[in-house]
Each structure stands twice: as structure tokens, then as C-alpha cells.
Amino acid sequence: MRSQKKPGVIINIGSVAGLYPMSYEPVYSGTKGGVVMFTRSLAPLKRHGIRVNVLCPEFVQTNMGEQVNRVLVDALGGFLKVEDVVNGAFELIEDESKAGACLWISKRRGMVYWPISEKEKSYLVYSSKSKRKLVKNGFPSIQTPEYFQKMVVHTLSHNFRNATRLEHVRLQLPIEPHSTIVKIIYAGVNASDVNFSSGRYFSSNAKEAAAHLPFDAGFEAVGIVASIGDSVKHIKVGTPVALMTFGSYAEFMLIPAKRLIPVPRPDPEVVAMLTSGLTASVALEKAGQMTSGQVVLVTAAAGGTGQFAVQLAKLAGNKVVATCGGESKSTFLASLGVDRVVNYRNENIKDVLKKEFPRGVDIIYESVGGETFDVCLNALAVYGRLIVIGMISQYQGEEGWKPQNYTGLCEKILGKSQTVAGFFLIQYAHLWQDHLEKLFNLYASGKLKVFLDPKKFLGVASVADAVEYLHSGRSVGKVVVCMDPSYGQTLAKL
């Protein structure tokens, strides 16, 4: 189903013997237990539209069931009917939230999901349900201040420094019932910060974009909940959280509780997994339809999102080609297991691709734009997919980001059944939780490395410096700003 990209539901048939031991049939009990664990382990396939669930009925009135000691059957309330099992199957098919679910059917209790949620959350580390209940109180207490600093866009410009100013503002109290106040510890820096400061994400019409002024800058951060509204129940004060909403270049943020993502720790590595990590993970799966045994090209591969794209492509069993500029970046990418690093300062990307990959590249994860986009399009294989996640080379021109014409694009992709797919992360918000869990698990298991640029940026006042540094082309890995250096040092000791 996954290779054919055909979504659907698979129902495995287990038994109550897989839920609790049957001393008189240990082999049978162990076998059915394996079916249950196998099914529950396949829950992540839901990301591909495939839901695998398991039915675990007690004794059913069949020829096989009637061979069981009747005393035991009566003790459990008697036989189930075949119709009971069929109804259970429809329950698992029709409830689209169920993936990796185990439905226990008994005469005594009817249909019960096993294990119950209270039991499950006690041992699952990164379950999406348990995360909403996650409470961390091992962090220093936070006093909400009367005033705090934040970076505000006051005029539209692709020059981030000219567009923004540091403001000292009063914290609005009391907060709304469904809102929270989050102390920001680390904020992520992105190439598209300059698109945001120029108003491009509001409208291509300058007058319409200007109507939003002034507005807060920054897309992503991690921090600790400092205060909650009266109606907030699933998040507690002291919970470490991630957020992906405008206004993160600030010491504190007022944000609806529903937009918070509980995380194990408010570390900078978690920031890297947000916009950068999620873009790579979701784009390769959805826009790239990546499988295994393919050739995958990643441009600007030593950056915040490129580092995730090359590793995820390798973990999926693909041959990875990566472009970068500079020896240190080449060494960095080689350490991630990239099969072929192309340093464009020493080699011509077009020549390398034409000579070494004459059949073309299956998937291209492209973020540079301009001439690099043209080279990539010409290197695309038959049925190939080119994912456009950005065009950083076009963001910082004299007049900012200007659309370009790609003459003959339709004719070119038509001739080879190719796809050029745009990707904008905010339109895939329904997948963030699942993919973030995947990244967390890969990182915790040591299969995924997260690299932060070693240059330190401290305090809200350093945000413009950080944005300019990212656009200088010197950064390696994810660029982050520590909003409160003293608090960051305290966290590092915990």
C-alpha cells in the first residue's frame, strides 16, 4: 500500500490471549501478543494514509471456540457472536483517528481500547496525546515582568535591520481565559525573515501589506509557560513548549494555549526541528513522495533545513548529492553521510550532475532559486520531482524579492512527466505533531544529528545581526538567538 501510495485500513486479528497470559496455551498467547505489538508499532504509517489496527476478541462462537472448556467461557460471560467482531472491525475502520489501536471485545465490558489512555501515557515518551498532558516542573520559576522587549516591524523592507526596531512594551494583564504567557528562551532565525519584514506573506500588494503595520517579527521559538488563563487545563505553568507563530523575537509572548506544542526541554536543538526540520520532513514525504533507492539532490545543504533533508534522505535508503559553498561546509556534509558533496566554489554543479548522474536526479530539494533552479530543472530525471521550498538568492536584491519568468517551464516538465512542487509549511499544520514526534524519536535514538551554528547571538537586540549573518552565507547548521542568556545557562545545568 505504501509503495503504491494507496491509503486504506488494515485490520489484524488478535485475541484476548495477546493481552493477558494464558498459562495453558503459552505459545498461542505469545503469538497473539506479538500481533498486538506488531500492530501498535505500525501506528506511524498513518502519515502515509495507512491505518493498521488489531481486534482482540474473547471467545467467539465458532467451531474452534466451542472446543474451549465451557467453564472458562461461562466465567468470561459467554461466547461473543461473529457480529460482535464485525462491529468491532467497522469501529476501527470508520474512526479515522485510530491507527495502531487495539480493540478488546468482551461479553462483560463490550468494546474497550487497550491499553487505556491513562496507562499508555505513563510510559510513552512522545505520544501526541500524552504530550498535551505533559507537565514539566523541573525548571526555575518565572516572574512575569511589567515590561519586556520585542522586535517589531515598523516599515516594510527586505532589509530586516531597517524594517525593524526594538520596543519596550508593557505585558498585557490579565490574560484571556484560553491564552498563555510564554517566556521565550531560544528563537530560530530563517531566511524568510526578510520576506516577512517586507510584507510578502501578507500580500503582494504593497498597500494591503502596509495595512498590517506594525507587526511582531519571528516565526518559531521554544520557551517555558510562565502564566495560563483560567480556562487552560492541558498546559501547566512550568511546561517547556515550542511554538510556531509570528512574534517569537521577544522575551515574552502572549499566545493561545492551543498553539503550544509541549516538548521535553526548551533546548535550541528543538528550535532547529521546527521550521527547518519540519519543512524537510513534510516536504520530502508529501511534495517529494520520497521512497528509497532514489537519487536525492539537496541545495544549500549545510543550512538549517538542508542538514535535515540530507539525513532524512539517507535514512530512507537513498543516494544523496548535496551542494554548498566552502570547505568547512563540505566537511560538515560529508560527516552527515552525504554520498557526493559538490562545493560550487571548486566545481561546476551543472557539469558534475551531467557527468556523474546522466540519467538525472529523482528528487531535488531546492532553496536557492535563480540560476541554481535552472540547473536543477535541467538535471531532473524522467518522473522526477523538484521541490521548491524557497529561493534565498532572490531575497536580498536591491528591490527585494521579485518574481522571475521561467520560459518554457511547462514544455520542459511535460516532455519528461516531471513535477515542480511548491512547498509552504504553514499549509501542512495538521502534520506538524506527527512529524515532530518522528524527528524527536530519531534524534533521541541517535539516528538524527542536529547542528547549531557556533556563532552566539544573545538577547532580542541581536536578532538583526543574526538575520544578516544567515544571509551572509557563512552559517553552518541552524542559527538561533538566545533571548535570555542567564536563563539559558541555568537550563544547561538542569
Protein backbone atom coordinates (compact mmCIF):
# COMPACT_ATOMS: atom_id res chain seq x y z
CA MET A 1 0.00 0.00 0.00
CA ARG A 2 2.78 2.43 0.86
CA SER A 3 4.82 1.76 -2.30
CA GLN A 4 1.68 2.09 -4.43
CA LYS A 5 0.63 5.19 -2.46
CA LYS A 6 -2.80 3.67 -1.82
CA PRO A 7 -4.28 4.69 1.54
CA GLY A 8 -6.52 2.36 3.48
CA VAL A 9 -7.13 0.39 6.67
CA ILE A 10 -5.68 -2.98 7.68
CA ILE A 11 -7.36 -4.95 10.47
CA ASN A 12 -5.23 -7.63 12.11
CA ILE A 13 -6.98 -10.36 14.07
CA GLY A 14 -5.50 -10.90 17.51
CA SER A 15 -7.03 -12.39 20.61
CA VAL A 16 -7.57 -11.61 24.24
CA ALA A 17 -4.74 -14.13 24.73
CA GLY A 18 -2.41 -11.39 23.45
CA LEU A 19 -3.49 -9.03 26.23
CA TYR A 20 -3.14 -11.24 29.29
CA PRO A 21 -1.29 -14.56 29.76
CA MET A 22 -2.90 -17.96 29.15
CA SER A 23 -0.77 -20.44 31.08
CA TYR A 24 -2.36 -23.44 29.41
CA GLU A 25 -1.56 -22.09 25.87
CA PRO A 26 1.71 -20.11 26.24
CA VAL A 27 2.73 -20.38 22.58
CA TYR A 28 -0.65 -19.21 21.36
CA SER A 29 -0.67 -16.39 23.91
CA GLY A 30 2.82 -15.27 22.89
CA THR A 31 1.92 -15.36 19.20
CA LYS A 32 -1.15 -13.19 19.68
CA GLY A 33 0.80 -10.81 21.89
CA GLY A 34 3.22 -10.40 19.01
CA VAL A 35 0.34 -9.49 16.70
CA VAL A 36 -0.73 -6.76 19.14
CA MET A 37 2.76 -5.27 19.50
CA PHE A 38 3.38 -5.52 15.74
CA THR A 39 0.19 -3.59 15.06
CA ARG A 40 0.86 -0.89 17.64
CA SER A 41 4.36 -0.42 16.24
CA LEU A 42 2.87 0.41 12.83
CA ALA A 43 0.96 3.46 14.10
CA PRO A 44 3.34 5.91 12.28
CA LEU A 45 2.08 4.59 8.93
CA LYS A 46 -0.86 6.91 9.47
CA ARG A 47 1.38 9.64 8.00
CA HIS A 48 1.15 7.76 4.70
CA GLY A 49 -2.62 7.34 4.88
CA ILE A 50 -2.37 3.75 6.09
CA ARG A 51 -4.05 2.78 9.38
CA VAL A 52 -3.23 -0.61 10.89
CA ASN A 53 -5.37 -1.74 13.84
CA VAL A 54 -5.95 -5.00 15.67
CA LEU A 55 -9.07 -6.72 17.03
CA CYS A 56 -8.69 -8.76 20.23
CA PRO A 57 -11.96 -10.58 20.95
CA GLU A 58 -12.56 -13.03 23.76
CA PHE A 59 -14.09 -16.39 22.84
CA VAL A 60 -16.22 -16.27 19.69
CA GLN A 61 -18.92 -18.82 18.98
CA THR A 62 -17.24 -20.70 16.14
CA ASN A 63 -16.23 -24.32 15.63
CA MET A 64 -12.81 -23.52 17.10
CA GLY A 65 -14.25 -21.55 20.02
CA GLU A 66 -16.58 -24.33 21.04
CA GLN A 67 -13.59 -26.61 21.68
CA VAL A 68 -12.61 -24.44 24.67
CA ASN A 69 -13.59 -25.55 28.19
CA ARG A 70 -17.14 -24.25 28.68
CA VAL A 71 -16.49 -23.44 32.34
CA LEU A 72 -13.87 -20.89 31.26
CA VAL A 73 -16.15 -19.42 28.61
CA ASP A 74 -19.01 -19.03 31.06
CA ALA A 75 -16.68 -17.39 33.58
CA LEU A 76 -15.97 -14.72 30.96
CA GLY A 77 -19.63 -14.08 30.33
CA GLY A 78 -20.23 -16.48 27.48
CA PHE A 79 -19.47 -16.53 23.78
CA LEU A 80 -19.25 -13.47 21.59
CA LYS A 81 -21.14 -13.54 18.31
CA VAL A 82 -19.38 -13.16 14.97
CA GLU A 83 -21.45 -9.98 14.54
CA ASP A 84 -19.69 -8.51 17.59
CA VAL A 85 -16.33 -8.94 15.86
CA VAL A 86 -17.66 -7.46 12.62
CA ASN A 87 -18.98 -4.43 14.52
CA GLY A 88 -15.54 -4.02 16.09
CA ALA A 89 -13.92 -4.06 12.68
CA PHE A 90 -16.25 -1.32 11.45
CA GLU A 91 -15.43 0.70 14.56
CA LEU A 92 -11.71 0.59 13.67
CA ILE A 93 -12.38 1.35 10.00
CA GLU A 94 -14.73 4.28 10.46
CA ASP A 95 -12.88 6.10 13.26
CA GLU A 96 -10.11 7.82 11.28
CA SER A 97 -8.25 8.76 14.46
CA LYS A 98 -7.44 5.09 15.15
CA ALA A 99 -4.01 3.91 14.00
CA GLY A 100 -2.04 1.27 15.89
CA ALA A 101 -5.15 0.80 18.02
CA CYS A 102 -6.04 -2.42 19.87
CA LEU A 103 -9.75 -3.01 20.39
CA TRP A 104 -10.56 -5.55 23.11
CA ILE A 105 -14.05 -7.05 22.74
CA SER A 106 -15.60 -8.95 25.63
CA LYS A 107 -19.02 -10.05 26.73
CA ARG A 108 -18.50 -8.41 30.11
CA ARG A 109 -17.23 -4.98 29.06
CA GLY A 110 -18.18 -4.60 25.41
CA MET A 111 -15.61 -2.72 23.28
CA VAL A 112 -12.61 -1.29 25.15
CA TYR A 113 -9.41 0.16 23.71
CA TRP A 114 -6.29 -1.36 25.24
CA PRO A 115 -4.27 -0.07 26.94
CA ILE A 116 -6.46 2.64 28.42
CA SER A 117 -5.11 6.16 27.85
CA GLU A 118 -4.11 6.67 31.50
CA LYS A 119 -1.98 3.53 31.36
CA GLU A 120 -0.48 4.36 27.98
CA LYS A 121 0.60 7.90 28.84
CA SER A 122 2.58 6.60 31.82
CA TYR A 123 5.21 5.04 29.57
CA LEU A 124 5.03 6.64 26.09
CA VAL A 125 7.64 9.39 25.72
CA TYR A 126 6.48 11.14 22.57
CA SER A 127 2.84 10.20 22.12
CA SER A 128 0.84 13.12 20.70
CA LYS A 129 -1.93 12.54 23.23
CA SER A 130 0.35 12.35 26.24
CA LYS A 131 2.19 15.45 25.09
CA ARG A 132 -0.91 17.52 25.59
CA LYS A 133 -0.91 16.39 29.21
CA LEU A 134 2.82 16.72 29.67
CA VAL A 135 3.86 18.76 32.69
CA LYS A 136 7.42 19.71 33.47
CA ASN A 137 8.02 21.48 36.74
CA GLY A 138 11.76 20.94 36.98
CA PHE A 139 12.57 24.38 35.60
CA PRO A 140 13.24 27.57 37.54
CA SER A 141 10.18 29.64 38.43
CA ILE A 142 9.44 32.63 36.23
CA GLN A 143 8.31 36.04 37.36
CA THR A 144 6.27 37.80 34.67
CA PRO A 145 7.63 41.34 34.30
CA GLU A 146 5.71 44.55 33.91
CA TYR A 147 7.67 45.35 30.73
CA PHE A 148 9.55 43.25 28.18
CA GLN A 149 11.39 43.67 24.87
CA LYS A 150 10.34 42.50 21.43
CA MET A 151 11.31 43.07 17.79
CA VAL A 152 8.64 44.90 15.79
CA VAL A 153 8.39 45.53 12.03
CA HIS A 154 7.53 49.22 11.64
CA THR A 155 8.17 49.70 7.91
CA LEU A 156 8.09 47.24 5.02
CA SER A 157 11.53 46.38 3.74
CA HIS A 158 13.55 43.30 2.76
CA ASN A 159 16.37 44.91 4.76
CA PHE A 160 15.50 43.41 8.13
CA ARG A 161 17.53 45.89 10.17
CA ASN A 162 15.86 48.88 8.51
CA ALA A 163 12.41 47.32 8.77
CA THR A 164 12.52 46.58 12.50
CA ARG A 165 13.10 48.24 15.82
CA LEU A 166 13.42 47.04 19.40
CA GLU A 167 10.47 48.05 21.52
CA HIS A 168 9.97 48.11 25.28
CA VAL A 169 6.32 47.23 25.89
CA ARG A 170 4.02 46.56 28.81
CA LEU A 171 2.86 42.98 29.36
CA GLN A 172 -0.92 42.94 28.98
CA LEU A 173 -2.56 41.52 32.10
CA PRO A 174 -4.79 39.83 33.00
CA ILE A 175 -4.58 37.36 30.11
CA GLU A 176 -7.58 35.93 28.27
CA PRO A 177 -9.05 32.64 29.62
CA HIS A 178 -7.67 30.45 26.79
CA SER A 179 -4.30 32.19 26.49
CA THR A 180 -0.85 31.72 28.00
CA ILE A 181 2.28 33.77 28.57
CA VAL A 182 5.47 32.04 27.43
CA LYS A 183 8.97 33.09 28.37
CA ILE A 184 11.00 32.71 25.17
CA ILE A 185 14.38 31.05 25.69
CA TYR A 186 15.58 30.39 22.12
CA ALA A 187 14.21 31.71 18.82
CA GLY A 188 15.07 30.35 15.38
CA VAL A 189 16.37 32.51 12.52
CA ASN A 190 15.10 31.82 9.00
CA ALA A 191 15.96 33.09 5.52
CA SER A 192 12.33 34.08 5.07
CA ASP A 193 12.51 36.58 7.95
CA VAL A 194 13.27 39.19 5.27
CA ASN A 195 10.18 38.18 3.29
CA PHE A 196 8.10 38.64 6.40
CA SER A 197 9.60 42.05 7.16
CA SER A 198 8.85 43.13 3.59
CA GLY A 199 5.19 42.10 3.97
CA ARG A 200 5.31 39.40 1.29
CA TYR A 201 3.44 36.89 3.47
CA PHE A 202 0.52 39.28 3.89
CA SER A 203 0.06 40.35 0.28
CA SER A 204 2.00 41.07 -2.92
CA ASN A 205 0.17 44.39 -2.96
CA ALA A 206 2.21 46.99 -1.06
CA LYS A 207 -0.82 48.93 0.21
CA GLU A 208 -2.55 45.80 1.52
CA ALA A 209 0.64 44.61 3.23
CA ALA A 210 1.28 48.02 4.79
CA ALA A 211 -2.16 47.90 6.42
CA HIS A 212 -0.79 45.25 8.81
CA LEU A 213 1.92 47.54 10.22
CA PRO A 214 3.24 47.46 12.87
CA PHE A 215 3.58 43.70 13.48
CA ASP A 216 5.81 41.44 15.55
CA ALA A 217 8.72 39.56 13.95
CA GLY A 218 9.94 35.98 14.29
CA PHE A 219 8.29 32.62 13.42
CA GLU A 220 9.48 29.99 15.88
CA ALA A 221 10.79 29.54 19.41
CA VAL A 222 10.98 27.35 22.48
CA GLY A 223 10.35 28.52 26.00
CA ILE A 224 8.57 27.87 29.28
CA VAL A 225 4.97 28.63 30.18
CA ALA A 226 5.01 31.46 32.71
CA SER A 227 1.27 32.01 33.17
CA ILE A 228 -2.02 30.49 31.97
CA GLY A 229 -5.59 31.69 31.56
CA ASP A 230 -8.39 30.38 33.75
CA SER A 231 -9.73 28.01 31.06
CA VAL A 232 -6.40 26.38 30.19
CA LYS A 233 -6.35 22.81 31.56
CA HIS A 234 -3.91 20.76 29.43
CA ILE A 235 -0.86 23.02 29.95
CA LYS A 236 0.55 23.98 33.32
CA VAL A 237 2.93 26.71 34.43
CA GLY A 238 6.49 25.44 34.06
CA THR A 239 5.79 23.31 30.97
CA PRO A 240 8.51 23.58 28.27
CA VAL A 241 6.89 24.31 24.90
CA ALA A 242 7.59 25.03 21.26
CA LEU A 243 5.62 27.49 19.17
CA MET A 244 5.41 28.37 15.50
CA THR A 245 3.60 31.66 15.20
CA PHE A 246 4.51 35.26 14.47
CA GLY A 247 6.11 37.28 17.25
CA SER A 248 8.79 34.95 18.59
CA TYR A 249 11.56 37.56 18.55
CA ALA A 250 10.61 38.63 22.05
CA GLU A 251 11.39 37.99 25.70
CA PHE A 252 7.76 37.00 26.37
CA MET A 253 4.82 36.07 24.17
CA LEU A 254 1.08 36.11 24.74
CA ILE A 255 -0.26 33.14 22.78
CA PRO A 256 -3.39 30.92 22.71
CA ALA A 257 -2.76 27.66 24.57
CA LYS A 258 -3.94 25.61 21.58
CA ARG A 259 -0.93 26.79 19.58
CA LEU A 260 1.63 25.44 22.04
CA ILE A 261 3.46 22.15 21.48
CA PRO A 262 4.76 20.60 24.71
CA VAL A 263 8.37 19.39 24.34
CA PRO A 264 10.80 17.53 26.63
CA ARG A 265 13.13 20.54 27.04
CA PRO A 266 13.28 24.11 25.69
CA ASP A 267 16.66 23.49 24.02
CA PRO A 268 17.99 25.14 20.83
CA GLU A 269 18.07 21.75 19.08
CA VAL A 270 14.29 21.68 19.40
CA VAL A 271 14.09 25.08 17.64
CA ALA A 272 16.04 23.58 14.74
CA MET A 273 13.45 20.82 14.41
CA LEU A 274 10.59 23.30 13.99
CA THR A 275 10.55 25.30 10.72
CA SER A 276 13.78 23.76 9.40
CA GLY A 277 13.24 20.15 10.44
CA LEU A 278 9.52 20.05 9.71
CA THR A 279 9.96 21.61 6.29
CA ALA A 280 12.43 18.89 5.31
CA SER A 281 10.41 16.04 6.81
CA VAL A 282 6.99 17.02 5.46
CA ALA A 283 8.20 18.29 2.07
CA LEU A 284 10.19 15.16 1.24
CA GLU A 285 7.26 12.95 2.19
CA LYS A 286 4.37 14.90 0.69
CA ALA A 287 5.77 17.03 -2.14
CA GLY A 288 8.71 14.74 -2.94
CA GLN A 289 6.88 11.44 -2.33
CA MET A 290 10.29 10.07 -1.31
CA THR A 291 10.72 6.32 -1.01
CA SER A 292 14.08 4.50 -1.19
CA GLY A 293 16.63 3.66 -3.86
CA GLN A 294 16.40 7.15 -5.37
CA VAL A 295 18.93 9.89 -6.09
CA VAL A 296 18.15 12.97 -4.00
CA LEU A 297 19.81 16.36 -4.51
CA VAL A 298 19.74 18.99 -1.75
CA THR A 299 20.87 22.55 -2.49
CA ALA A 300 22.24 24.84 0.25
CA ALA A 301 22.58 21.59 2.16
CA ALA A 302 24.70 22.88 5.04
CA GLY A 303 21.99 25.25 6.24
CA GLY A 304 19.28 24.89 8.86
CA THR A 305 16.87 22.83 6.75
CA GLY A 306 19.41 21.27 4.39
CA GLN A 307 21.05 19.34 7.24
CA PHE A 308 17.71 17.61 7.94
CA ALA A 309 16.94 16.93 4.28
CA VAL A 310 20.22 15.09 3.61
CA GLN A 311 19.93 12.97 6.75
CA LEU A 312 16.28 12.03 6.21
CA ALA A 313 17.03 11.09 2.61
CA LYS A 314 19.92 8.88 3.74
CA LEU A 315 17.85 7.26 6.49
CA ALA A 316 15.24 6.39 3.85
CA GLY A 317 17.88 4.49 1.87
CA ASN A 318 18.69 6.96 -0.90
CA LYS A 319 21.84 8.23 -2.61
CA VAL A 320 22.29 11.86 -1.59
CA VAL A 321 24.01 14.65 -3.51
CA ALA A 322 24.46 17.99 -1.74
CA THR A 323 25.65 21.41 -2.83
CA CYS A 324 27.38 24.00 -0.66
CA GLY A 325 29.98 26.76 -0.78
CA GLY A 326 33.20 26.25 1.17
CA GLU A 327 35.49 23.54 2.51
CA SER A 328 34.14 23.64 6.06
CA LYS A 329 30.63 23.08 4.76
CA SER A 330 31.84 20.23 2.54
CA THR A 331 33.45 18.55 5.54
CA PHE A 332 30.29 19.05 7.56
CA LEU A 333 28.10 17.43 4.91
CA ALA A 334 30.49 14.52 4.49
CA SER A 335 30.19 13.90 8.24
CA LEU A 336 26.43 13.53 7.75
CA GLY A 337 26.97 10.70 5.28
CA VAL A 338 26.32 12.59 2.03
CA ASP A 339 27.41 10.44 -0.93
CA ARG A 340 28.55 13.28 -3.19
CA VAL A 341 29.28 16.80 -1.94
CA VAL A 342 29.55 19.48 -4.63
CA ASN A 343 31.40 22.59 -3.45
CA TYR A 344 30.35 25.14 -6.05
CA ARG A 345 33.42 27.24 -5.29
CA ASN A 346 35.62 24.48 -6.69
CA GLU A 347 33.27 22.60 -9.04
CA ASN A 348 30.57 23.46 -11.53
CA ILE A 349 27.29 21.96 -10.30
CA LYS A 350 25.88 21.59 -13.81
CA ASP A 351 28.96 19.73 -15.07
CA VAL A 352 29.04 17.38 -12.08
CA LEU A 353 25.37 16.45 -12.40
CA LYS A 354 25.60 15.93 -16.16
CA LYS A 355 28.70 13.75 -15.93
CA GLU A 356 28.01 11.71 -12.80
CA PHE A 357 24.21 11.47 -12.99
CA PRO A 358 23.43 11.26 -16.72
CA ARG A 359 20.00 9.70 -16.09
CA GLY A 360 19.08 12.65 -13.90
CA VAL A 361 18.09 13.16 -10.27
CA ASP A 362 14.82 11.75 -8.88
CA ILE A 363 14.12 14.31 -6.15
CA ILE A 364 15.56 17.81 -5.73
CA TYR A 365 15.10 19.79 -2.51
CA GLU A 366 15.72 23.32 -3.75
CA SER A 367 16.01 26.51 -1.71
CA VAL A 368 18.43 28.72 -3.68
CA GLY A 369 16.48 29.83 -6.77
CA GLY A 370 17.79 31.82 -9.73
CA GLU A 371 20.45 30.05 -11.79
CA THR A 372 20.55 27.15 -9.34
CA PHE A 373 16.88 26.44 -10.01
CA ASP A 374 17.59 26.33 -13.76
CA VAL A 375 20.47 23.89 -13.23
CA CYS A 376 18.30 21.70 -11.04
CA LEU A 377 15.41 21.65 -13.50
CA ASN A 378 17.75 20.57 -16.30
CA ALA A 379 19.15 17.79 -14.08
CA LEU A 380 15.74 16.33 -13.19
CA ALA A 381 15.13 12.72 -14.24
CA VAL A 382 12.10 11.35 -16.03
CA TYR A 383 9.26 11.33 -13.44
CA GLY A 384 11.49 13.48 -11.25
CA ARG A 385 10.13 15.85 -8.60
CA LEU A 386 11.64 19.27 -7.87
CA ILE A 387 10.50 20.70 -4.52
CA VAL A 388 10.77 24.48 -4.21
CA ILE A 389 10.96 25.43 -0.51
CA GLY A 390 12.45 28.88 -1.11
CA MET A 391 14.79 30.98 -3.24
CA ILE A 392 17.24 32.62 -0.86
CA SER A 393 19.41 34.03 -3.66
CA GLN A 394 16.48 36.24 -4.72
CA TYR A 395 15.50 37.60 -1.30
CA GLN A 396 18.22 40.22 -0.91
CA GLY A 397 18.31 42.06 -4.25
CA GLU A 398 18.25 45.84 -4.42
CA GLU A 399 14.47 45.85 -4.65
CA GLY A 400 13.84 42.73 -2.63
CA TRP A 401 12.18 39.54 -3.79
CA LYS A 402 10.92 39.88 -7.35
CA PRO A 403 9.14 37.10 -9.28
CA GLN A 404 11.03 35.64 -12.24
CA ASN A 405 9.80 34.24 -15.53
CA TYR A 406 10.73 30.65 -16.41
CA THR A 407 10.22 30.49 -20.16
CA GLY A 408 9.46 27.02 -21.45
CA LEU A 409 8.94 25.50 -18.00
CA CYS A 410 5.65 23.80 -18.89
CA GLU A 411 7.04 22.32 -22.08
CA LYS A 412 10.10 21.01 -20.29
CA ILE A 413 8.29 19.18 -17.48
CA LEU A 414 5.65 17.89 -19.91
CA GLY A 415 8.29 16.15 -22.02
CA LYS A 416 9.60 14.07 -19.10
CA SER A 417 6.48 13.73 -16.91
CA GLN A 418 8.23 15.81 -14.24
CA THR A 419 6.77 17.73 -11.31
CA VAL A 420 7.80 21.09 -9.89
CA ALA A 421 6.09 21.38 -6.50
CA GLY A 422 5.97 24.41 -4.26
CA PHE A 423 6.01 23.82 -0.52
CA PHE A 424 4.90 26.22 2.23
CA LEU A 425 4.98 24.70 5.72
CA ILE A 426 2.04 26.60 7.21
CA GLN A 427 -0.34 24.78 4.85
CA TYR A 428 0.63 21.45 6.44
CA ALA A 429 -0.01 22.39 10.06
CA HIS A 430 -2.13 19.26 10.54
CA LEU A 431 1.03 17.17 10.08
CA TRP A 432 3.36 19.09 12.40
CA GLN A 433 2.73 17.00 15.52
CA ASP A 434 3.32 13.63 13.83
CA HIS A 435 6.45 14.75 12.02
CA LEU A 436 7.85 16.50 15.07
CA GLU A 437 7.46 13.27 17.02
CA LYS A 438 9.32 11.44 14.28
CA LEU A 439 12.20 13.93 14.44
CA PHE A 440 12.29 13.77 18.25
CA ASN A 441 12.47 9.99 18.17
CA LEU A 442 15.21 9.92 15.52
CA TYR A 443 17.21 12.47 17.50
CA ALA A 444 16.72 10.67 20.83
CA SER A 445 17.82 7.37 19.27
CA GLY A 446 20.99 8.94 17.82
CA LYS A 447 19.93 8.38 14.21
CA LEU A 448 19.49 12.10 13.51
CA LYS A 449 22.06 14.80 14.27
CA VAL A 450 21.08 18.40 14.90
CA PHE A 451 23.76 21.02 14.32
CA LEU A 452 23.64 24.59 15.57
CA ASP A 453 25.82 27.30 14.12
CA PRO A 454 28.52 28.03 16.73
CA LYS A 455 28.17 31.81 16.49
CA LYS A 456 26.33 33.14 19.54
CA PHE A 457 23.56 35.73 19.35
CA LEU A 458 22.35 36.92 22.74
CA GLY A 459 19.26 38.95 23.54
CA VAL A 460 16.49 40.43 21.38
CA ALA A 461 18.79 43.26 20.31
CA SER A 462 21.00 40.76 18.43
CA VAL A 463 18.22 39.49 16.12
CA ALA A 464 19.10 41.78 13.18
CA ASP A 465 22.74 40.67 13.44
CA ALA A 466 21.62 37.03 13.34
CA VAL A 467 19.42 37.54 10.27
CA GLU A 468 22.23 39.30 8.42
CA TYR A 469 24.68 36.57 9.42
CA LEU A 470 22.39 33.88 7.99
CA HIS A 471 22.12 35.77 4.69
CA SER A 472 25.90 36.26 4.53
CA GLY A 473 26.31 32.61 3.50
CA ARG A 474 28.73 31.89 6.35
CA SER A 475 26.40 29.94 8.60
CA VAL A 476 26.56 26.15 9.06
CA GLY A 477 23.58 24.43 10.65
CA LYS A 478 20.75 26.26 12.40
CA VAL A 479 21.17 29.87 13.53
CA VAL A 480 19.44 30.61 16.84
CA VAL A 481 19.15 33.57 19.20
CA CYS A 482 19.20 33.07 22.97
CA MET A 483 16.69 35.59 24.28
CA ASP A 484 17.81 35.34 27.91
CA PRO A 485 21.48 34.26 28.24
CA SER A 486 21.34 33.95 32.03
CA TYR A 487 18.29 31.70 31.88
CA GLY A 488 19.82 29.69 29.05
CA GLN A 489 22.86 28.97 31.24
CA THR A 490 20.59 27.85 34.08
CA LEU A 491 18.75 25.44 31.77
CA ALA A 492 22.03 23.94 30.55
CA LYS A 493 22.78 22.80 34.12
CA LEU A 494 19.45 21.01 34.57
